[in-house]
PDB file of N, CA and C in Angstrom:
ATOM      1  N   UNK A   1     166.739  44.542  40.467  1.00  0.00           N
ATOM      2  CA  UNK A   1     166.809  43.153  40.889  1.00  0.00           C
ATOM      3  C   UNK A   1     165.580  42.418  40.356  1.00  0.00           C
ATOM      4  N   UNK A   2     165.798  41.205  39.870  1.00  0.00           N
ATOM      5  CA  UNK A   2     164.722  40.400  39.278  1.00  0.00           C
ATOM      6  C   UNK A   2     164.507  39.159  40.150  1.00  0.00           C
ATOM      7  N   UNK A   3     163.322  39.065  40.728  1.00  0.00           N
ATOM      8  CA  UNK A   3     162.974  37.968  41.628  1.00  0.00           C
ATOM      9  C   UNK A   3     161.926  37.080  40.960  1.00  0.00           C
ATOM     10  N   UNK A   4     162.146  35.788  41.021  1.00  0.00           N
ATOM     11  CA  UNK A   4     161.156  34.824  40.548  1.00  0.00           C
ATOM     12  C   UNK A   4     160.472  34.196  41.744  1.00  0.00           C
ATOM     13  N   UNK A   5     159.271  33.690  41.532  1.00  0.00           N
ATOM     14  CA  UNK A   5     158.560  33.003  42.592  1.00  0.00           C
ATOM     15  C   UNK A   5     157.695  31.898  42.032  1.00  0.00           C
ATOM     16  N   UNK A   6     157.454  30.901  42.850  1.00  0.00           N
ATOM     17  CA  UNK A   6     156.520  29.822  42.519  1.00  0.00           C
ATOM     18  C   UNK A   6     155.642  29.618  43.736  1.00  0.00           C
ATOM     19  N   UNK A   7     154.330  29.597  43.522  1.00  0.00           N
ATOM     20  CA  UNK A   7     153.409  29.315  44.623  1.00  0.00           C
ATOM     21  C   UNK A   7     152.566  28.096  44.276  1.00  0.00           C
ATOM     22  N   UNK A   8     152.298  27.299  45.302  1.00  0.00           N
ATOM     23  CA  UNK A   8     151.494  26.098  45.108  1.00  0.00           C
ATOM     24  C   UNK A   8     151.011  25.596  46.462  1.00  0.00           C
ATOM     25  N   UNK A   9     149.776  25.127  46.493  1.00  0.00           N
ATOM     26  CA  UNK A   9     149.235  24.529  47.716  1.00  0.00           C
ATOM     27  C   UNK A   9     148.580  23.195  47.367  1.00  0.00           C
ATOM     28  N   UNK A  10     148.262  22.382  48.368  1.00  0.00           N
ATOM     29  CA  UNK A  10     147.713  21.056  48.089  1.00  0.00           C
ATOM     30  C   UNK A  10     146.448  21.060  47.233  1.00  0.00           C
ATOM     31  N   UNK A  11     145.554  22.007  47.449  1.00  0.00           N
ATOM     32  CA  UNK A  11     144.305  22.051  46.675  1.00  0.00           C
ATOM     33  C   UNK A  11     144.514  22.834  45.384  1.00  0.00           C
ATOM     34  N   UNK A  12     145.378  23.831  45.425  1.00  0.00           N
ATOM     35  CA  UNK A  12     145.714  24.571  44.224  1.00  0.00           C
ATOM     36  C   UNK A  12     144.667  25.576  43.788  1.00  0.00           C
ATOM     37  N   UNK A  13     143.929  26.085  44.749  1.00  0.00           N
ATOM     38  CA  UNK A  13     142.910  27.066  44.384  1.00  0.00           C
ATOM     39  C   UNK A  13     143.260  28.397  45.043  1.00  0.00           C
ATOM     40  N   UNK A  14     142.630  28.733  46.128  1.00  0.00           N
ATOM     41  CA  UNK A  14     142.736  30.078  46.706  1.00  0.00           C
ATOM     42  C   UNK A  14     144.133  30.429  47.204  1.00  0.00           C
ATOM     43  N   UNK A  15     144.728  29.592  48.038  1.00  0.00           N
ATOM     44  CA  UNK A  15     145.997  29.956  48.667  1.00  0.00           C
ATOM     45  C   UNK A  15     147.130  30.153  47.660  1.00  0.00           C
ATOM     46  N   UNK A  16     147.151  29.351  46.622  1.00  0.00           N
ATOM     47  CA  UNK A  16     148.170  29.490  45.580  1.00  0.00           C
ATOM     48  C   UNK A  16     148.157  30.904  45.017  1.00  0.00           C
ATOM     49  N   UNK A  17     146.971  31.397  44.701  1.00  0.00           N
ATOM     50  CA  UNK A  17     146.833  32.701  44.053  1.00  0.00           C
ATOM     51  C   UNK A  17     146.939  33.864  45.033  1.00  0.00           C
ATOM     52  N   UNK A  18     146.495  33.671  46.254  1.00  0.00           N
ATOM     53  CA  UNK A  18     146.631  34.714  47.270  1.00  0.00           C
ATOM     54  C   UNK A  18     148.108  34.946  47.589  1.00  0.00           C
ATOM     55  N   UNK A  19     148.859  33.871  47.718  1.00  0.00           N
ATOM     56  CA  UNK A  19     150.292  33.982  47.995  1.00  0.00           C
ATOM     57  C   UNK A  19     151.000  34.684  46.842  1.00  0.00           C
ATOM     58  N   UNK A  20     150.671  34.319  45.622  1.00  0.00           N
ATOM     59  CA  UNK A  20     151.296  34.935  44.449  1.00  0.00           C
ATOM     60  C   UNK A  20     151.008  36.438  44.415  1.00  0.00           C
ATOM     61  N   UNK A  21     149.778  36.794  44.649  1.00  0.00           N
ATOM     62  CA  UNK A  21     149.375  38.198  44.626  1.00  0.00           C
ATOM     63  C   UNK A  21     150.107  39.008  45.692  1.00  0.00           C
ATOM     64  N   UNK A  22     150.181  38.475  46.899  1.00  0.00           N
ATOM     65  CA  UNK A  22     150.850  39.189  47.999  1.00  0.00           C
ATOM     66  C   UNK A  22     152.346  39.361  47.740  1.00  0.00           C
ATOM     67  N   UNK A  23     152.998  38.316  47.272  1.00  0.00           N
ATOM     68  CA  UNK A  23     154.433  38.409  46.979  1.00  0.00           C
ATOM     69  C   UNK A  23     154.687  39.425  45.868  1.00  0.00           C
ATOM     70  N   UNK A  24     153.856  39.398  44.855  1.00  0.00           N
ATOM     71  CA  UNK A  24     154.022  40.322  43.734  1.00  0.00           C
ATOM     72  C   UNK A  24     153.843  41.776  44.184  1.00  0.00           C
ATOM     73  N   UNK A  25     152.798  42.026  44.961  1.00  0.00           N
ATOM     74  CA  UNK A  25     152.540  43.389  45.446  1.00  0.00           C
ATOM     75  C   UNK A  25     153.699  43.911  46.291  1.00  0.00           C
ATOM     76  N   UNK A  26     154.165  43.090  47.225  1.00  0.00           N
ATOM     77  CA  UNK A  26     155.246  43.516  48.122  1.00  0.00           C
ATOM     78  C   UNK A  26     156.547  43.744  47.363  1.00  0.00           C
ATOM     79  N   UNK A  27     156.864  42.885  46.421  1.00  0.00           N
ATOM     80  CA  UNK A  27     158.090  43.035  45.645  1.00  0.00           C
ATOM     81  C   UNK A  27     158.043  44.316  44.813  1.00  0.00           C
ATOM     82  N   UNK A  28     156.915  44.583  44.187  1.00  0.00           N
ATOM     83  CA  UNK A  28     156.783  45.786  43.361  1.00  0.00           C
ATOM     84  C   UNK A  28     156.869  47.048  44.209  1.00  0.00           C
ATOM     85  N   UNK A  29     156.312  47.012  45.432  1.00  0.00           N
ATOM     86  CA  UNK A  29     156.400  48.160  46.347  1.00  0.00           C
ATOM     87  C   UNK A  29     157.851  48.500  46.655  1.00  0.00           C
ATOM     88  N   UNK A  30     158.690  47.479  46.678  1.00  0.00           N
ATOM     89  CA  UNK A  30     160.113  47.679  46.983  1.00  0.00           C
ATOM     90  C   UNK A  30     160.925  47.991  45.725  1.00  0.00           C
ATOM     91  N   UNK A  31     160.237  48.155  44.606  1.00  0.00           N
ATOM     92  CA  UNK A  31     160.920  48.505  43.361  1.00  0.00           C
ATOM     93  C   UNK A  31     161.594  47.337  42.666  1.00  0.00           C
ATOM     94  N   UNK A  32     161.201  46.123  43.010  1.00  0.00           N
ATOM     95  CA  UNK A  32     161.792  44.935  42.400  1.00  0.00           C
ATOM     96  C   UNK A  32     160.974  44.498  41.195  1.00  0.00           C
ATOM     97  N   UNK A  33     161.654  43.943  40.221  1.00  0.00           N
ATOM     98  CA  UNK A  33     160.956  43.298  39.114  1.00  0.00           C
ATOM     99  C   UNK A  33     160.667  41.876  39.576  1.00  0.00           C
ATOM    100  N   UNK A  34     159.455  41.399  39.311  1.00  0.00           N
ATOM    101  CA  UNK A  34     159.060  40.103  39.851  1.00  0.00           C
ATOM    102  C   UNK A  34     158.191  39.349  38.848  1.00  0.00           C
ATOM    103  N   UNK A  35     158.351  38.041  38.855  1.00  0.00           N
ATOM    104  CA  UNK A  35     157.470  37.160  38.076  1.00  0.00           C
ATOM    105  C   UNK A  35     157.142  35.966  38.956  1.00  0.00           C
ATOM    106  N   UNK A  36     155.845  35.729  39.145  1.00  0.00           N
ATOM    107  CA  UNK A  36     155.398  34.632  39.999  1.00  0.00           C
ATOM    108  C   UNK A  36     154.643  33.600  39.148  1.00  0.00           C
ATOM    109  N   UNK A  37     155.120  32.386  39.196  1.00  0.00           N
ATOM    110  CA  UNK A  37     154.450  31.267  38.533  1.00  0.00           C
ATOM    111  C   UNK A  37     153.530  30.602  39.539  1.00  0.00           C
ATOM    112  N   UNK A  38     152.301  30.317  39.135  1.00  0.00           N
ATOM    113  CA  UNK A  38     151.388  29.580  40.009  1.00  0.00           C
ATOM    114  C   UNK A  38     151.242  28.161  39.477  1.00  0.00           C
ATOM    115  N   UNK A  39     151.272  27.229  40.405  1.00  0.00           N
ATOM    116  CA  UNK A  39     151.042  25.823  40.072  1.00  0.00           C
ATOM    117  C   UNK A  39     149.793  25.405  40.824  1.00  0.00           C
ATOM    118  N   UNK A  40     148.652  25.688  40.203  1.00  0.00           N
ATOM    119  CA  UNK A  40     147.369  25.472  40.854  1.00  0.00           C
ATOM    120  C   UNK A  40     146.570  24.343  40.237  1.00  0.00           C
ATOM    121  N   UNK A  41     145.298  24.309  40.590  1.00  0.00           N
ATOM    122  CA  UNK A  41     144.398  23.256  40.130  1.00  0.00           C
ATOM    123  C   UNK A  41     144.251  23.257  38.615  1.00  0.00           C
ATOM    124  N   UNK A  42     144.424  24.417  37.990  1.00  0.00           N
ATOM    125  CA  UNK A  42     144.278  24.507  36.536  1.00  0.00           C
ATOM    126  C   UNK A  42     145.604  24.299  35.810  1.00  0.00           C
ATOM    127  N   UNK A  43     146.655  23.960  36.557  1.00  0.00           N
ATOM    128  CA  UNK A  43     147.962  23.731  35.955  1.00  0.00           C
ATOM    129  C   UNK A  43     148.902  24.894  36.215  1.00  0.00           C
ATOM    130  N   UNK A  44     149.959  24.961  35.419  1.00  0.00           N
ATOM    131  CA  UNK A  44     150.964  26.009  35.569  1.00  0.00           C
ATOM    132  C   UNK A  44     150.509  27.249  34.811  1.00  0.00           C
ATOM    133  N   UNK A  45     150.515  28.384  35.512  1.00  0.00           N
ATOM    134  CA  UNK A  45     150.165  29.659  34.881  1.00  0.00           C
ATOM    135  C   UNK A  45     151.308  30.637  35.093  1.00  0.00           C
ATOM    136  N   UNK A  46     151.476  31.547  34.131  1.00  0.00           N
ATOM    137  CA  UNK A  46     152.549  32.545  34.174  1.00  0.00           C
ATOM    138  C   UNK A  46     153.903  31.838  34.283  1.00  0.00           C
ATOM    139  N   UNK A  47     154.084  30.845  33.449  1.00  0.00           N
ATOM    140  CA  UNK A  47     155.252  29.960  33.523  1.00  0.00           C
ATOM    141  C   UNK A  47     156.573  30.712  33.399  1.00  0.00           C
ATOM    142  N   UNK A  48     157.487  30.376  34.269  1.00  0.00           N
ATOM    143  CA  UNK A  48     158.831  30.946  34.259  1.00  0.00           C
ATOM    144  C   UNK A  48     159.625  30.289  33.135  1.00  0.00           C
ATOM    145  N   UNK A  49     160.211  31.127  32.284  1.00  0.00           N
ATOM    146  CA  UNK A  49     160.959  30.631  31.130  1.00  0.00           C
ATOM    147  C   UNK A  49     162.438  30.461  31.463  1.00  0.00           C
ATOM    148  N   UNK A  50     163.158  29.836  30.553  1.00  0.00           N
ATOM    149  CA  UNK A  50     164.611  29.693  30.713  1.00  0.00           C
ATOM    150  C   UNK A  50     165.272  31.064  30.752  1.00  0.00           C
ATOM    151  N   UNK A  51     164.749  31.992  29.959  1.00  0.00           N
ATOM    152  CA  UNK A  51     165.290  33.353  29.937  1.00  0.00           C
ATOM    153  C   UNK A  51     165.082  34.030  31.293  1.00  0.00           C
ATOM    154  N   UNK A  52     163.906  33.799  31.917  1.00  0.00           N
ATOM    155  CA  UNK A  52     163.653  34.346  33.251  1.00  0.00           C
ATOM    156  C   UNK A  52     164.686  33.836  34.242  1.00  0.00           C
ATOM    157  N   UNK A  53     164.948  32.549  34.192  1.00  0.00           N
ATOM    158  CA  UNK A  53     165.902  31.930  35.117  1.00  0.00           C
ATOM    159  C   UNK A  53     167.301  32.514  34.910  1.00  0.00           C
ATOM    160  N   UNK A  54     167.697  32.729  33.659  1.00  0.00           N
ATOM    161  CA  UNK A  54     169.015  33.304  33.371  1.00  0.00           C
ATOM    162  C   UNK A  54     169.145  34.716  33.933  1.00  0.00           C
ATOM    163  N   UNK A  55     168.071  35.496  33.886  1.00  0.00           N
ATOM    164  CA  UNK A  55     168.093  36.895  34.349  1.00  0.00           C
ATOM    165  C   UNK A  55     167.929  37.033  35.852  1.00  0.00           C
ATOM    166  N   UNK A  56     167.364  36.033  36.487  1.00  0.00           N
ATOM    167  CA  UNK A  56     166.949  36.148  37.890  1.00  0.00           C
ATOM    168  C   UNK A  56     168.113  36.266  38.855  1.00  0.00           C
ATOM    169  N   UNK A  57     167.849  37.033  39.931  1.00  0.00           N
ATOM    170  CA  UNK A  57     168.811  37.165  41.019  1.00  0.00           C
ATOM    171  C   UNK A  57     168.524  36.177  42.147  1.00  0.00           C
ATOM    172  N   UNK A  58     167.254  35.788  42.291  1.00  0.00           N
ATOM    173  CA  UNK A  58     166.865  34.875  43.372  1.00  0.00           C
ATOM    174  C   UNK A  58     165.452  34.354  43.121  1.00  0.00           C
ATOM    175  N   UNK A  59     165.087  33.346  43.915  1.00  0.00           N
ATOM    176  CA  UNK A  59     163.773  32.699  43.781  1.00  0.00           C
ATOM    177  C   UNK A  59     163.130  32.544  45.156  1.00  0.00           C
ATOM    178  N   UNK A  60     161.827  32.770  45.191  1.00  0.00           N
ATOM    179  CA  UNK A  60     161.029  32.450  46.383  1.00  0.00           C
ATOM    180  C   UNK A  60     160.079  31.325  46.006  1.00  0.00           C
ATOM    181  N   UNK A  61     160.141  30.246  46.765  1.00  0.00           N
ATOM    182  CA  UNK A  61     159.187  29.156  46.573  1.00  0.00           C
ATOM    183  C   UNK A  61     158.276  29.148  47.786  1.00  0.00           C
ATOM    184  N   UNK A  62     157.003  29.434  47.547  1.00  0.00           N
ATOM    185  CA  UNK A  62     156.000  29.426  48.615  1.00  0.00           C
ATOM    186  C   UNK A  62     155.056  28.278  48.313  1.00  0.00           C
ATOM    187  N   UNK A  63     155.300  27.163  48.977  1.00  0.00           N
ATOM    188  CA  UNK A  63     154.570  25.952  48.624  1.00  0.00           C
ATOM    189  C   UNK A  63     154.477  24.990  49.800  1.00  0.00           C
ATOM    190  N   UNK A  64     153.381  24.262  49.824  1.00  0.00           N
ATOM    191  CA  UNK A  64     153.206  23.197  50.814  1.00  0.00           C
ATOM    192  C   UNK A  64     153.270  21.827  50.146  1.00  0.00           C
ATOM    193  N   UNK A  65     153.557  21.824  48.851  1.00  0.00           N
ATOM    194  CA  UNK A  65     153.717  20.586  48.082  1.00  0.00           C
ATOM    195  C   UNK A  65     154.977  20.712  47.240  1.00  0.00           C
ATOM    196  N   UNK A  66     155.428  19.603  46.705  1.00  0.00           N
ATOM    197  CA  UNK A  66     156.612  19.634  45.832  1.00  0.00           C
ATOM    198  C   UNK A  66     156.243  20.341  44.527  1.00  0.00           C
ATOM    199  N   UNK A  67     157.019  21.350  44.148  1.00  0.00           N
ATOM    200  CA  UNK A  67     156.706  22.066  42.919  1.00  0.00           C
ATOM    201  C   UNK A  67     157.227  21.295  41.707  1.00  0.00           C
ATOM    202  N   UNK A  68     156.626  21.558  40.566  1.00  0.00           N
ATOM    203  CA  UNK A  68     157.053  20.934  39.319  1.00  0.00           C
ATOM    204  C   UNK A  68     158.296  21.638  38.808  1.00  0.00           C
ATOM    205  N   UNK A  69     159.241  20.866  38.330  1.00  0.00           N
ATOM    206  CA  UNK A  69     160.430  21.391  37.667  1.00  0.00           C
ATOM    207  C   UNK A  69     161.252  22.309  38.580  1.00  0.00           C
ATOM    208  N   UNK A  70     161.354  21.959  39.826  1.00  0.00           N
ATOM    209  CA  UNK A  70     162.106  22.772  40.779  1.00  0.00           C
ATOM    210  C   UNK A  70     163.597  22.816  40.511  1.00  0.00           C
ATOM    211  N   UNK A  71     164.131  21.828  39.816  1.00  0.00           N
ATOM    212  CA  UNK A  71     165.571  21.767  39.565  1.00  0.00           C
ATOM    213  C   UNK A  71     166.067  22.913  38.685  1.00  0.00           C
ATOM    214  N   UNK A  72     165.183  23.587  37.978  1.00  0.00           N
ATOM    215  CA  UNK A  72     165.604  24.717  37.123  1.00  0.00           C
ATOM    216  C   UNK A  72     166.176  25.867  37.953  1.00  0.00           C
ATOM    217  N   UNK A  73     165.914  25.849  39.268  1.00  0.00           N
ATOM    218  CA  UNK A  73     166.391  26.908  40.153  1.00  0.00           C
ATOM    219  C   UNK A  73     167.637  26.508  40.945  1.00  0.00           C
ATOM    220  N   UNK A  74     168.220  25.361  40.640  1.00  0.00           N
ATOM    221  CA  UNK A  74     169.343  24.840  41.421  1.00  0.00           C
ATOM    222  C   UNK A  74     170.518  25.813  41.550  1.00  0.00           C
ATOM    223  N   UNK A  75     170.744  26.643  40.552  1.00  0.00           N
ATOM    224  CA  UNK A  75     171.897  27.545  40.576  1.00  0.00           C
ATOM    225  C   UNK A  75     171.568  28.944  41.093  1.00  0.00           C
ATOM    226  N   UNK A  76     170.356  29.136  41.612  1.00  0.00           N
ATOM    227  CA  UNK A  76     169.934  30.448  42.107  1.00  0.00           C
ATOM    228  C   UNK A  76     169.730  30.429  43.617  1.00  0.00           C
ATOM    229  N   UNK A  77     170.025  31.537  44.297  1.00  0.00           N
ATOM    230  CA  UNK A  77     169.676  31.624  45.718  1.00  0.00           C
ATOM    231  C   UNK A  77     168.155  31.460  45.845  1.00  0.00           C
ATOM    232  N   UNK A  78     167.743  30.569  46.737  1.00  0.00           N
ATOM    233  CA  UNK A  78     166.323  30.243  46.852  1.00  0.00           C
ATOM    234  C   UNK A  78     165.887  30.288  48.306  1.00  0.00           C
ATOM    235  N   UNK A  79     164.750  30.939  48.535  1.00  0.00           N
ATOM    236  CA  UNK A  79     164.117  30.973  49.850  1.00  0.00           C
ATOM    237  C   UNK A  79     162.831  30.179  49.744  1.00  0.00           C
ATOM    238  N   UNK A  80     162.691  29.150  50.573  1.00  0.00           N
ATOM    239  CA  UNK A  80     161.497  28.307  50.541  1.00  0.00           C
ATOM    240  C   UNK A  80     160.693  28.526  51.811  1.00  0.00           C
ATOM    241  N   UNK A  81     159.413  28.808  51.633  1.00  0.00           N
ATOM    242  CA  UNK A  81     158.502  29.052  52.755  1.00  0.00           C
ATOM    243  C   UNK A  81     157.188  28.339  52.481  1.00  0.00           C
ATOM    244  N   UNK A  82     156.360  28.238  53.514  1.00  0.00           N
ATOM    245  CA  UNK A  82     155.021  27.697  53.343  1.00  0.00           C
ATOM    246  C   UNK A  82     154.123  28.712  52.663  1.00  0.00           C
ATOM    247  N   UNK A  83     153.122  28.226  51.973  1.00  0.00           N
ATOM    248  CA  UNK A  83     152.232  29.121  51.236  1.00  0.00           C
ATOM    249  C   UNK A  83     151.479  30.067  52.182  1.00  0.00           C
ATOM    250  N   UNK A  84     151.125  29.600  53.365  1.00  0.00           N
ATOM    251  CA  UNK A  84     150.402  30.464  54.304  1.00  0.00           C
ATOM    252  C   UNK A  84     151.287  31.606  54.800  1.00  0.00           C
ATOM    253  N   UNK A  85     152.591  31.366  54.916  1.00  0.00           N
ATOM    254  CA  UNK A  85     153.510  32.433  55.325  1.00  0.00           C
ATOM    255  C   UNK A  85     153.535  33.544  54.266  1.00  0.00           C
ATOM    256  N   UNK A  86     153.481  33.157  52.996  1.00  0.00           N
ATOM    257  CA  UNK A  86     153.474  34.146  51.919  1.00  0.00           C
ATOM    258  C   UNK A  86     152.179  34.958  51.920  1.00  0.00           C
ATOM    259  N   UNK A  87     151.116  34.375  52.390  1.00  0.00           N
ATOM    260  CA  UNK A  87     149.843  35.095  52.481  1.00  0.00           C
ATOM    261  C   UNK A  87     149.895  36.073  53.650  1.00  0.00           C
ATOM    262  N   UNK A  88     150.405  35.604  54.784  1.00  0.00           N
ATOM    263  CA  UNK A  88     150.398  36.415  56.012  1.00  0.00           C
ATOM    264  C   UNK A  88     151.514  37.445  56.085  1.00  0.00           C
ATOM    265  N   UNK A  89     152.701  37.126  55.537  1.00  0.00           N
ATOM    266  CA  UNK A  89     153.854  38.011  55.726  1.00  0.00           C
ATOM    267  C   UNK A  89     154.740  38.070  54.487  1.00  0.00           C
ATOM    268  N   UNK A  90     154.159  38.411  53.357  1.00  0.00           N
ATOM    269  CA  UNK A  90     154.936  38.503  52.117  1.00  0.00           C
ATOM    270  C   UNK A  90     156.041  39.540  52.244  1.00  0.00           C
ATOM    271  N   UNK A  91     155.744  40.640  52.929  1.00  0.00           N
ATOM    272  CA  UNK A  91     156.739  41.691  53.103  1.00  0.00           C
ATOM    273  C   UNK A  91     157.957  41.168  53.874  1.00  0.00           C
ATOM    274  N   UNK A  92     157.711  40.406  54.927  1.00  0.00           N
ATOM    275  CA  UNK A  92     158.794  39.817  55.703  1.00  0.00           C
ATOM    276  C   UNK A  92     159.629  38.851  54.882  1.00  0.00           C
ATOM    277  N   UNK A  93     158.979  38.104  54.004  1.00  0.00           N
ATOM    278  CA  UNK A  93     159.691  37.145  53.150  1.00  0.00           C
ATOM    279  C   UNK A  93     160.601  37.889  52.176  1.00  0.00           C
ATOM    280  N   UNK A  94     160.068  38.939  51.551  1.00  0.00           N
ATOM    281  CA  UNK A  94     160.872  39.728  50.620  1.00  0.00           C
ATOM    282  C   UNK A  94     162.064  40.346  51.358  1.00  0.00           C
ATOM    283  N   UNK A  95     161.819  40.889  52.551  1.00  0.00           N
ATOM    284  CA  UNK A  95     162.916  41.484  53.348  1.00  0.00           C
ATOM    285  C   UNK A  95     163.970  40.437  53.697  1.00  0.00           C
ATOM    286  N   UNK A  96     163.526  39.244  54.081  1.00  0.00           N
ATOM    287  CA  UNK A  96     164.462  38.169  54.429  1.00  0.00           C
ATOM    288  C   UNK A  96     165.327  37.801  53.230  1.00  0.00           C
ATOM    289  N   UNK A  97     164.715  37.709  52.057  1.00  0.00           N
ATOM    290  CA  UNK A  97     165.457  37.374  50.853  1.00  0.00           C
ATOM    291  C   UNK A  97     166.480  38.475  50.524  1.00  0.00           C
ATOM    292  N   UNK A  98     166.047  39.719  50.583  1.00  0.00           N
ATOM    293  CA  UNK A  98     166.957  40.824  50.277  1.00  0.00           C
ATOM    294  C   UNK A  98     168.122  40.873  51.257  1.00  0.00           C
ATOM    295  N   UNK A  99     167.850  40.616  52.511  1.00  0.00           N
ATOM    296  CA  UNK A  99     168.896  40.600  53.542  1.00  0.00           C
ATOM    297  C   UNK A  99     169.905  39.487  53.254  1.00  0.00           C
ATOM    298  N   UNK A 100     169.414  38.334  52.858  1.00  0.00           N
ATOM    299  CA  UNK A 100     170.283  37.198  52.569  1.00  0.00           C
ATOM    300  C   UNK A 100     171.157  37.434  51.338  1.00  0.00           C
ATOM    301  N   UNK A 101     170.697  38.283  50.439  1.00  0.00           N
ATOM    302  CA  UNK A 101     171.452  38.540  49.198  1.00  0.00           C
ATOM    303  C   UNK A 101     172.541  39.589  49.368  1.00  0.00           C
ATOM    304  N   UNK A 102     172.550  40.284  50.507  1.00  0.00           N
ATOM    305  CA  UNK A 102     173.564  41.330  50.729  1.00  0.00           C
ATOM    306  C   UNK A 102     174.944  40.762  50.861  1.00  0.00           C
TER     307      UNK A 102
END
């Protein structure tokens, strides 16, 4: 299973990257392939490509602000959470997404 993610917070510094790291670690522990795009103070990093979107099974958006180019995920199952939730309970978010995809 291939999961995409986007993380972003209002300041775009610590929380954006902490959320991305936690989601990535938890997804990999569960044997999932994952790619997390960060939309932080320095701009978009690890950008999700059109090919990624075509291959993806689902998307997690962990953000407290409107993400850039969110419409690219319109045709994918998407779970949207706050960035702090992804920091505190990334494992729960991954489990919730997997449960919803069954």
